[in-house]
Protein backbone atom coordinates (compact mmCIF):
# COMPACT_ATOMS: atom_id res chain seq x y z
CA MET A 1 7.82 -19.32 15.53
CA MET A 2 6.51 -16.96 12.86
CA ARG A 3 6.51 -19.75 10.28
CA ARG A 4 4.40 -21.85 12.64
CA ARG A 5 1.88 -18.99 12.85
CA GLU A 6 1.89 -18.63 9.05
CA LYS A 7 1.19 -22.34 8.63
CA GLU A 8 -1.74 -22.15 11.05
CA ILE A 9 -3.22 -19.07 9.34
CA LEU A 10 -2.95 -20.74 5.93
CA TRP A 11 -4.82 -23.75 7.33
CA ALA A 12 -7.50 -21.41 8.76
CA LEU A 13 -7.85 -19.57 5.42
CA LYS A 14 -8.33 -22.83 3.55
CA HIS A 15 -10.88 -24.01 6.11
CA LEU A 16 -12.91 -20.78 5.97
CA SER A 17 -12.76 -20.72 2.18
CA GLU A 18 -14.17 -24.23 2.05
CA LYS A 19 -16.90 -23.58 4.64
CA THR A 20 -18.03 -20.31 3.03
CA ASP A 21 -17.98 -21.48 -0.59
CA GLY A 22 -14.89 -19.49 -1.51
CA PHE A 23 -15.62 -16.64 0.94
CA SER A 24 -18.98 -16.00 -0.74
CA ASP A 25 -21.59 -17.34 1.73
CA PRO A 26 -21.37 -15.28 3.85
CA ARG A 27 -19.23 -12.96 1.78
CA LEU A 28 -15.85 -12.25 3.38
CA LEU A 29 -13.13 -9.93 2.11
CA LEU A 30 -9.55 -10.50 3.16
CA VAL A 31 -7.85 -7.22 4.16
CA GLY A 32 -4.58 -6.21 5.77
CA GLY A 33 -1.19 -7.88 5.42
CA TYR A 34 -2.45 -11.10 3.87
CA ALA A 35 -4.45 -9.22 1.25
CA LEU A 36 -1.39 -7.14 0.37
CA ARG A 37 0.62 -10.27 -0.31
CA THR A 38 -1.61 -10.95 -3.29
CA PHE A 39 -0.20 -7.89 -5.04
CA VAL A 40 3.11 -7.08 -3.36
CA PRO A 41 5.80 -9.63 -2.52
CA LEU A 42 6.30 -9.09 1.20
CA THR A 43 8.75 -10.94 3.36
CA ARG A 44 7.59 -9.63 6.70
CA PHE A 45 5.23 -11.68 8.81
CA THR A 46 1.93 -10.45 10.21
CA ARG A 47 0.40 -11.38 13.55
CA ASP A 48 -3.21 -11.82 12.47
CA CYS A 49 -5.53 -12.36 9.55
CA ASP A 50 -8.23 -9.73 8.94
CA PHE A 51 -11.59 -10.01 7.19
CA VAL A 52 -14.48 -7.62 6.63
CA THR A 53 -18.07 -8.41 5.77
CA LYS A 54 -21.35 -6.49 5.44
CA LYS A 55 -24.10 -6.63 8.00
CA GLU A 56 -27.12 -7.64 5.99
CA GLU A 57 -30.26 -9.41 7.15
CA GLY A 58 -29.23 -10.70 10.53
CA TRP A 59 -25.61 -10.95 11.60
CA ALA A 60 -23.27 -12.89 9.31
CA ILE A 61 -21.09 -13.23 12.38
CA ASP A 62 -23.63 -15.57 13.94
CA ARG A 63 -23.16 -17.93 10.99
CA LEU A 64 -19.38 -17.54 11.06
CA ARG A 65 -19.14 -18.45 14.73
CA VAL A 66 -19.99 -22.07 13.98
CA LEU A 67 -17.62 -22.21 10.99
CA LEU A 68 -14.42 -21.41 12.88
CA PRO A 69 -11.50 -23.76 12.33
CA GLU A 70 -10.85 -26.32 15.04
CA GLY A 71 -9.05 -24.94 18.05
CA PHE A 72 -10.07 -21.31 17.53
CA SER A 73 -12.11 -19.67 20.26
CA ILE A 74 -13.82 -16.30 20.39
CA GLU A 75 -11.75 -13.93 22.48
CA ARG A 76 -13.98 -10.90 21.94
CA LEU A 77 -17.27 -10.29 20.15
CA GLU A 78 -19.08 -6.96 19.91
CA LYS A 79 -22.25 -6.10 18.04
CA ARG A 80 -23.10 -2.41 18.05
CA GLY A 81 -26.11 -1.59 15.92
CA SER A 82 -24.62 -1.09 12.47
CA TYR A 83 -21.09 -2.41 13.09
CA GLY A 84 -19.09 -4.83 15.16
CA PHE A 85 -16.19 -7.26 15.26
CA MET A 86 -15.11 -10.69 16.40
CA ARG A 87 -11.58 -11.66 17.40
CA CYS A 88 -10.80 -15.35 17.35
CA VAL A 89 -7.61 -16.86 18.74
CA LYS A 90 -5.83 -20.15 18.86
CA LEU A 91 -2.76 -20.96 20.91
CA VAL A 92 -0.40 -23.39 19.22
CA ARG A 93 2.79 -24.94 20.52
CA HIS A 94 6.11 -24.26 18.87
CA ASN A 95 9.02 -25.91 20.67
CA ASP A 96 8.73 -24.59 24.24
CA ALA A 97 6.65 -21.52 23.33
CA ARG A 98 2.97 -20.89 22.81
CA VAL A 99 2.15 -18.91 19.67
CA LYS A 100 -1.07 -16.89 19.42
CA VAL A 101 -2.81 -17.02 16.05
CA SER A 102 -5.58 -14.44 15.51
CA LEU A 103 -8.45 -14.00 13.08
CA TRP A 104 -10.32 -10.65 13.05
CA ILE A 105 -13.70 -10.32 11.40
CA SER A 106 -15.24 -6.84 11.24
CA TRP A 107 -18.57 -5.84 9.74
CA LYS A 108 -20.59 -2.76 9.00
CA ALA A 109 -24.09 -2.19 7.70
CA ARG A 110 -24.35 -1.10 4.09
């Protein structure tokens, strides 16, 4: 089940990288467990994939909403002045179970 989640997150990362010109438009930084894997060989799985971005002119999140990979929906979105977050989820089937795949995008003003 965890491998199924990992496969789905990898697909989402590739999709977002392509749609944001390598995470540069809008600029996204990968944080958390997936970011650690770049530097430290980890064997444990993580439940979600976390990004951060800056709030600049307008909300980058408004642009990201339309770039979500197929099947992901917005579970929660909060904009609070100088910061906020968006949690996106996708339920995928694995044998007889449903696996929840999550993307978190947080932002803060400069």
